[in-house]
């Protein structure tokens, strides 16, 4: 087995989820990630934890979603997650477009029914990571070997050094009241963030890490955003996403391709038309767009905004938390003719932070 797979498993166990003896652990992974699942089982055995593996399969999901008429929260699944201590989810696709012919309304309805499970899962020690499967390499237009190098370069890092570097941006954003994002003549958006904590993502819940993020005050977002990086959602590419916000809500939207997918996301529930996250990408080892948001949102010289659910840890006690069954990230390239302004001070220009030489 590739030694990097074993190292990947050890980083998940020791750094990302702080695995303890006696922990009940769910591993949710597809067959393409078998080598990483084997390595995880070995680490869990050494640490004295109790694994339960749930095999995911996009073909199974497609068959079910195309046949089902309505959805209820599966209580047995909820009970299983309630009884676990650690939840590890691994992505690795055999066919990245397997569910592309599922009606977006159906996917949205299932997401709503599964919201209690998602909420319970996010209350645990959890980690989402990626195994370099051939289908994901193909989507990134890379060879399998080159994609594996890309994944492991982004995952196997000195995460303590990453934390220290990103802490400089946390110190700027955490006490802030207002953030303005400008890119060219297509994006100019303001939002208040006062009282909402800024988190430093250095490879814990998401592996790879490489961003700092917070939640906007729900009704504060004003302006327009053109997301110039594609969104890959439900097996479909959505390009040229444009959103216009008033009093926090999306009041106008469009997309150059697959606009219906974007519309269904925004129509999922009331919270889906509000932003739940503002993130700033800082991982410059992720130096190319790969149609995988787990990596793409961490790219240096980008910001991302997510419509839908706000993470509980990013919302202060005095502020409202945006609730939704969805959390969909979209990316703005900030490498040219762009800046981030915090409380009127320019803190990044054309991708360069004020604390960088």
Protein backbone atom coordinates (compact mmCIF):
# COMPACT_ATOMS: atom_id res chain seq x y z
CA UNK A 1 0.00 0.00 0.00
CA UNK A 2 1.18 3.54 -0.77
CA UNK A 3 2.69 4.92 2.44
CA UNK A 4 0.86 8.20 1.83
CA UNK A 5 -2.47 6.41 2.33
CA UNK A 6 -1.37 5.26 5.77
CA UNK A 7 -0.21 8.80 6.58
CA UNK A 8 -3.55 10.15 5.37
CA UNK A 9 -5.37 7.77 7.74
CA UNK A 10 -3.17 8.77 10.66
CA UNK A 11 -3.76 12.49 10.05
CA UNK A 12 -7.53 11.90 10.01
CA UNK A 13 -7.40 9.92 13.25
CA UNK A 14 -4.92 11.95 15.26
CA UNK A 15 -5.24 15.48 13.88
CA UNK A 16 -8.74 15.75 12.44
CA UNK A 17 -10.96 13.82 14.88
CA UNK A 18 -8.70 13.38 17.94
CA UNK A 19 -9.47 9.66 18.05
CA UNK A 20 -9.70 8.16 21.56
CA UNK A 21 -9.76 4.60 22.85
CA UNK A 22 -13.33 3.33 23.07
CA UNK A 23 -14.70 5.77 20.47
CA UNK A 24 -17.56 4.47 18.34
CA UNK A 25 -16.67 5.47 14.77
CA UNK A 26 -18.73 5.53 11.60
CA UNK A 27 -16.73 5.48 8.35
CA UNK A 28 -18.83 6.40 5.33
CA UNK A 29 -16.99 5.65 2.09
CA UNK A 30 -17.51 4.29 -1.44
CA UNK A 31 -15.77 1.19 -2.83
CA UNK A 32 -13.22 3.32 -4.72
CA UNK A 33 -11.76 4.42 -1.36
CA UNK A 34 -11.18 0.87 -0.10
CA UNK A 35 -7.43 1.33 0.48
CA UNK A 36 -7.97 4.33 2.73
CA UNK A 37 -10.76 2.53 4.60
CA UNK A 38 -8.40 -0.42 5.21
CA UNK A 39 -5.74 1.96 6.52
CA UNK A 40 -8.30 3.66 8.77
CA UNK A 41 -9.36 0.32 10.22
CA UNK A 42 -5.76 -0.48 11.03
CA UNK A 43 -5.33 2.86 12.83
CA UNK A 44 -8.64 2.45 14.68
CA UNK A 45 -7.56 -1.01 15.82
CA UNK A 46 -4.27 0.33 17.11
CA UNK A 47 -6.07 3.13 19.00
CA UNK A 48 -8.74 0.86 20.50
CA UNK A 49 -11.71 2.42 18.69
CA UNK A 50 -14.81 0.63 17.35
CA UNK A 51 -15.40 1.03 13.58
CA UNK A 52 -18.63 0.64 11.63
CA UNK A 53 -18.31 1.14 7.88
CA UNK A 54 -21.19 2.34 5.72
CA UNK A 55 -20.55 1.76 2.01
CA UNK A 56 -21.87 4.49 -0.26
CA UNK A 57 -22.65 3.94 -3.91
CA UNK A 58 -23.89 6.60 -6.33
CA UNK A 59 -25.69 3.97 -8.41
CA UNK A 60 -27.70 2.94 -5.34
CA UNK A 61 -28.52 6.59 -4.62
CA UNK A 62 -29.58 7.24 -8.21
CA UNK A 63 -31.87 4.19 -8.30
CA UNK A 64 -33.53 5.18 -5.03
CA UNK A 65 -33.98 8.86 -5.86
CA UNK A 66 -35.43 8.15 -9.31
CA UNK A 67 -37.94 5.70 -7.79
CA UNK A 68 -38.99 7.55 -4.62
CA UNK A 69 -41.98 9.90 -4.49
CA UNK A 70 -41.58 11.40 -1.03
CA UNK A 71 -39.12 11.33 1.84
CA UNK A 72 -39.22 11.07 5.61
CA UNK A 73 -36.34 11.27 8.05
CA UNK A 74 -34.98 7.70 8.37
CA UNK A 75 -35.09 7.31 12.14
CA UNK A 76 -32.81 4.25 12.15
CA UNK A 77 -30.10 6.27 10.42
CA UNK A 78 -30.58 9.14 12.89
CA UNK A 79 -30.35 6.73 15.84
CA UNK A 80 -27.11 5.30 14.49
CA UNK A 81 -25.49 8.73 14.24
CA UNK A 82 -26.77 9.67 17.69
CA UNK A 83 -24.89 6.72 19.18
CA UNK A 84 -21.56 7.45 17.49
CA UNK A 85 -18.65 9.58 18.74
CA UNK A 86 -16.77 10.13 15.46
CA UNK A 87 -18.03 10.38 11.88
CA UNK A 88 -15.52 10.04 9.02
CA UNK A 89 -16.77 10.62 5.46
CA UNK A 90 -14.56 9.81 2.48
CA UNK A 91 -15.22 10.92 -1.08
CA UNK A 92 -14.06 8.87 -4.09
CA UNK A 93 -16.16 8.60 -7.22
CA UNK A 94 -16.57 5.88 -9.81
CA UNK A 95 -18.69 8.23 -11.95
CA UNK A 96 -18.98 11.87 -10.94
CA UNK A 97 -22.11 12.34 -13.09
CA UNK A 98 -23.98 9.26 -11.84
CA UNK A 99 -26.84 11.31 -10.34
CA UNK A 100 -26.99 13.95 -13.09
CA UNK A 101 -30.38 12.65 -14.31
CA UNK A 102 -32.01 12.90 -10.89
CA UNK A 103 -34.53 15.74 -10.70
CA UNK A 104 -33.01 18.55 -8.60
CA UNK A 105 -36.35 18.88 -6.79
CA UNK A 106 -36.02 15.27 -5.66
CA UNK A 107 -32.51 15.83 -4.33
CA UNK A 108 -33.67 18.95 -2.49
CA UNK A 109 -36.59 17.06 -0.93
CA UNK A 110 -34.30 14.32 0.32
CA UNK A 111 -31.90 16.91 1.73
CA UNK A 112 -34.75 18.43 3.73
CA UNK A 113 -35.76 15.03 5.12
CA UNK A 114 -32.16 14.26 6.12
CA UNK A 115 -31.54 17.60 7.82
CA UNK A 116 -31.89 16.16 11.37
CA UNK A 117 -29.25 13.54 10.51
CA UNK A 118 -26.91 16.18 9.17
CA UNK A 119 -27.40 18.31 12.25
CA UNK A 120 -26.61 15.37 14.53
CA UNK A 121 -23.56 14.42 12.47
CA UNK A 122 -22.17 17.96 12.68
CA UNK A 123 -22.45 17.83 16.48
CA UNK A 124 -19.92 14.97 16.58
CA UNK A 125 -16.17 14.92 15.98
CA UNK A 126 -16.21 14.59 12.22
CA UNK A 127 -13.98 14.77 9.18
CA UNK A 128 -14.64 14.88 5.45
CA UNK A 129 -11.74 13.92 3.19
CA UNK A 130 -10.94 12.73 -0.33
CA UNK A 131 -9.34 9.60 -1.76
CA UNK A 132 -7.75 10.19 -5.19
CA UNK A 133 -10.03 8.04 -7.34
CA UNK A 134 -9.71 7.91 -11.15
CA UNK A 135 -13.09 9.54 -11.80
CA UNK A 136 -12.13 12.56 -9.70
CA UNK A 137 -8.83 12.76 -11.55
CA UNK A 138 -10.71 12.69 -14.85
CA UNK A 139 -13.01 15.50 -13.75
CA UNK A 140 -9.93 17.54 -12.81
CA UNK A 141 -8.45 16.76 -16.25
CA UNK A 142 -5.44 15.07 -14.65
CA UNK A 143 -3.87 11.63 -14.80
CA UNK A 144 -4.64 9.41 -11.82
CA UNK A 145 -1.01 9.62 -10.70
CA UNK A 146 -0.86 13.41 -11.02
CA UNK A 147 -4.16 13.77 -9.18
CA UNK A 148 -2.89 11.59 -6.33
CA UNK A 149 0.16 13.86 -6.04
CA UNK A 150 -2.15 16.87 -5.97
CA UNK A 151 -4.38 15.37 -3.26
CA UNK A 152 -1.55 14.27 -0.99
CA UNK A 153 0.33 17.57 -1.40
CA UNK A 154 -2.80 19.30 -0.12
CA UNK A 155 -3.53 16.80 2.68
CA UNK A 156 -0.13 15.82 4.08
CA UNK A 157 1.10 19.12 5.49
CA UNK A 158 2.44 20.74 8.63
CA UNK A 159 -0.99 21.72 9.88
CA UNK A 160 0.39 23.53 12.92
CA UNK A 161 2.28 25.89 10.57
CA UNK A 162 -0.90 26.35 8.52
CA UNK A 163 -2.80 27.26 11.69
CA UNK A 164 -0.22 29.89 12.63
CA UNK A 165 -0.22 31.49 9.18
CA UNK A 166 -3.99 31.63 8.93
CA UNK A 167 -4.32 32.95 12.48
CA UNK A 168 -3.13 36.31 11.12
CA UNK A 169 -6.29 36.58 9.03
CA UNK A 170 -8.43 35.37 11.92
CA UNK A 171 -7.05 38.23 14.04
CA UNK A 172 -8.21 40.70 11.38
CA UNK A 173 -11.65 39.23 10.69
CA UNK A 174 -12.75 38.02 14.12
CA UNK A 175 -13.31 41.50 15.69
CA UNK A 176 -14.64 43.01 12.45
CA UNK A 177 -18.04 44.57 11.90
CA UNK A 178 -18.24 44.71 8.10
CA UNK A 179 -16.58 43.01 5.12
CA UNK A 180 -16.63 44.19 1.52
CA UNK A 181 -15.65 41.94 -1.40
CA UNK A 182 -14.89 43.55 -4.78
CA UNK A 183 -13.75 41.78 -7.95
CA UNK A 184 -13.63 43.62 -11.25
CA UNK A 185 -16.88 45.29 -12.21
CA UNK A 186 -19.00 42.17 -11.61
CA UNK A 187 -18.75 41.68 -7.83
CA UNK A 188 -19.30 44.25 -5.11
CA UNK A 189 -20.94 42.90 -1.98
CA UNK A 190 -21.00 44.00 1.66
CA UNK A 191 -22.02 42.07 4.74
CA UNK A 192 -21.92 42.54 8.49
CA UNK A 193 -20.18 39.91 10.61
CA UNK A 194 -20.00 41.58 14.03
CA UNK A 195 -20.34 39.11 16.90
CA UNK A 196 -19.85 36.05 14.73
CA UNK A 197 -16.64 34.08 15.39
CA UNK A 198 -14.07 33.54 12.65
CA UNK A 199 -12.79 29.96 12.50
CA UNK A 200 -9.38 28.75 11.40
CA UNK A 201 -9.69 25.63 9.23
CA UNK A 202 -6.35 23.84 9.42
CA UNK A 203 -7.35 20.33 8.44
CA UNK A 204 -9.70 19.25 11.20
CA UNK A 205 -13.30 18.87 10.02
CA UNK A 206 -12.30 19.25 6.37
CA UNK A 207 -9.11 17.59 5.17
CA UNK A 208 -7.50 19.35 3.39
CA UNK A 209 -8.00 22.56 5.29
CA UNK A 210 -6.75 25.97 4.29
CA UNK A 211 -9.35 28.68 4.88
CA UNK A 212 -10.69 31.05 7.48
CA UNK A 213 -14.46 31.46 7.58
CA UNK A 214 -17.36 33.02 9.41
CA UNK A 215 -21.09 33.61 8.95
CA UNK A 216 -22.65 36.87 7.78
CA UNK A 217 -25.39 38.50 9.81
CA UNK A 218 -28.41 36.97 8.11
CA UNK A 219 -30.16 40.11 6.83
CA UNK A 220 -27.03 42.18 6.19
CA UNK A 221 -25.81 41.08 2.77
CA UNK A 222 -26.16 43.74 0.07
CA UNK A 223 -24.82 43.83 -3.48
CA UNK A 224 -23.99 41.62 -6.42
CA UNK A 225 -21.68 38.65 -6.92
CA UNK A 226 -20.55 36.87 -10.06
CA UNK A 227 -19.07 33.52 -9.10
CA UNK A 228 -16.51 33.07 -11.86
CA UNK A 229 -15.48 29.54 -10.90
CA UNK A 230 -17.93 26.76 -11.88
CA UNK A 231 -20.16 25.04 -9.36
CA UNK A 232 -20.41 21.25 -9.63
CA UNK A 233 -23.61 20.16 -7.90
CA UNK A 234 -25.70 17.01 -8.15
CA UNK A 235 -23.52 15.75 -11.01
CA UNK A 236 -24.03 18.90 -13.08
CA UNK A 237 -21.79 21.84 -13.91
CA UNK A 238 -23.34 25.23 -13.17
CA UNK A 239 -21.37 28.14 -14.65
CA UNK A 240 -21.58 31.92 -14.49
CA UNK A 241 -23.66 32.05 -11.31
CA UNK A 242 -24.89 35.57 -10.56
CA UNK A 243 -26.65 36.53 -7.32
CA UNK A 244 -28.04 39.88 -6.25
CA UNK A 245 -28.78 40.42 -2.55
CA UNK A 246 -31.14 42.80 -0.77
CA UNK A 247 -31.63 42.72 3.00
CA UNK A 248 -29.64 39.51 3.05
CA UNK A 249 -31.79 37.56 0.58
CA UNK A 250 -31.12 36.54 -3.01
CA UNK A 251 -33.65 38.61 -4.98
CA UNK A 252 -32.24 37.91 -8.44
CA UNK A 253 -30.22 35.01 -9.79
CA UNK A 254 -29.01 33.58 -13.06
CA UNK A 255 -26.51 31.10 -14.48
CA UNK A 256 -25.04 30.59 -17.92
CA UNK A 257 -25.44 26.82 -17.72
CA UNK A 258 -27.87 24.61 -15.74
CA UNK A 259 -29.68 27.52 -14.13
CA UNK A 260 -32.44 25.12 -13.08
CA UNK A 261 -30.03 23.42 -10.65
CA UNK A 262 -29.24 26.78 -9.06
CA UNK A 263 -32.95 27.64 -8.86
CA UNK A 264 -33.78 24.40 -7.08
CA UNK A 265 -31.00 25.00 -4.56
CA UNK A 266 -32.35 28.48 -3.80
CA UNK A 267 -35.92 27.17 -3.57
CA UNK A 268 -35.05 24.34 -1.16
CA UNK A 269 -36.36 26.30 1.84
CA UNK A 270 -36.50 29.84 3.19
CA UNK A 271 -32.92 29.78 4.44
CA UNK A 272 -31.48 28.74 1.09
CA UNK A 273 -31.72 32.31 -0.23
CA UNK A 274 -29.48 33.70 2.51
CA UNK A 275 -25.74 33.34 2.97
CA UNK A 276 -24.53 30.94 5.66
CA UNK A 277 -20.79 31.35 5.15
CA UNK A 278 -18.06 33.69 3.98
CA UNK A 279 -14.75 31.90 3.52
CA UNK A 280 -11.31 33.08 2.44
CA UNK A 281 -9.11 30.51 0.69
CA UNK A 282 -5.48 30.43 1.87
CA UNK A 283 -4.05 27.03 0.81
CA UNK A 284 -1.68 27.83 -2.05
CA UNK A 285 -0.72 24.16 -2.44
CA UNK A 286 -4.18 23.91 -4.01
CA UNK A 287 -3.15 25.77 -7.13
CA UNK A 288 -5.71 24.65 -9.68
CA UNK A 289 -9.47 24.26 -9.98
CA UNK A 290 -10.56 20.60 -9.91
CA UNK A 291 -14.39 20.69 -9.70
CA UNK A 292 -14.16 19.46 -6.11
CA UNK A 293 -15.35 22.03 -3.58
CA UNK A 294 -13.51 20.28 -0.74
CA UNK A 295 -10.33 21.50 -2.45
CA UNK A 296 -11.49 24.39 -4.62
CA UNK A 297 -12.85 26.52 -1.76
CA UNK A 298 -9.42 26.39 -0.06
CA UNK A 299 -7.49 27.71 -3.08
CA UNK A 300 -5.30 30.69 -2.38
CA UNK A 301 -6.48 33.97 -3.96
CA UNK A 302 -10.17 33.08 -3.72
CA UNK A 303 -13.17 33.74 -1.55
CA UNK A 304 -16.26 31.60 -1.35
CA UNK A 305 -19.77 32.21 -0.16
CA UNK A 306 -22.29 29.52 0.71
CA UNK A 307 -26.04 29.88 0.42
CA UNK A 308 -27.94 28.02 3.10
CA UNK A 309 -27.06 26.64 6.49
CA UNK A 310 -24.62 28.47 8.76
CA UNK A 311 -22.33 26.36 10.92
CA UNK A 312 -23.25 26.68 14.58
CA UNK A 313 -19.69 27.53 15.65
CA UNK A 314 -19.64 30.59 13.37
CA UNK A 315 -22.69 32.30 14.90
CA UNK A 316 -22.47 34.35 18.09
CA UNK A 317 -24.99 33.86 20.89
CA UNK A 318 -26.63 37.23 20.23
CA UNK A 319 -27.04 36.63 16.49
CA UNK A 320 -29.52 34.64 14.42
CA UNK A 321 -28.27 31.47 12.77
CA UNK A 322 -29.39 30.82 9.21
CA UNK A 323 -31.11 27.43 9.01
CA UNK A 324 -31.42 25.42 5.81
CA UNK A 325 -31.21 21.88 4.50
CA UNK A 326 -28.52 22.99 2.03
CA UNK A 327 -25.06 24.50 2.24
CA UNK A 328 -23.75 25.21 -1.27
CA UNK A 329 -20.41 26.97 -1.73
CA UNK A 330 -19.52 29.11 -4.74
CA UNK A 331 -16.16 30.71 -5.57
CA UNK A 332 -14.90 34.12 -6.68
CA UNK A 333 -11.37 34.45 -8.10
CA UNK A 334 -9.59 37.27 -6.22
CA UNK A 335 -6.21 37.07 -7.98
CA UNK A 336 -6.66 40.12 -10.23
CA UNK A 337 -8.45 43.47 -10.02
CA UNK A 338 -9.89 42.46 -6.65
CA UNK A 339 -9.74 43.34 -2.98
CA UNK A 340 -11.11 42.48 0.45
CA UNK A 341 -11.95 45.35 2.76
CA UNK A 342 -12.51 44.87 6.50
CA UNK A 343 -14.06 47.81 8.36
CA UNK A 344 -12.89 50.13 5.59
CA UNK A 345 -9.28 48.88 5.52
CA UNK A 346 -8.00 46.96 2.52
CA UNK A 347 -6.57 43.67 3.90
CA UNK A 348 -6.03 41.79 0.65
CA UNK A 349 -5.41 43.05 -2.88
CA UNK A 350 -5.10 40.80 -5.94
CA UNK A 351 -4.68 37.80 -3.63
CA UNK A 352 -1.92 39.29 -1.46
CA UNK A 353 -2.63 39.76 2.25
CA UNK A 354 -1.26 42.74 4.15
CA UNK A 355 0.69 40.42 6.46
CA UNK A 356 2.52 38.69 3.59
CA UNK A 357 5.89 39.87 2.35
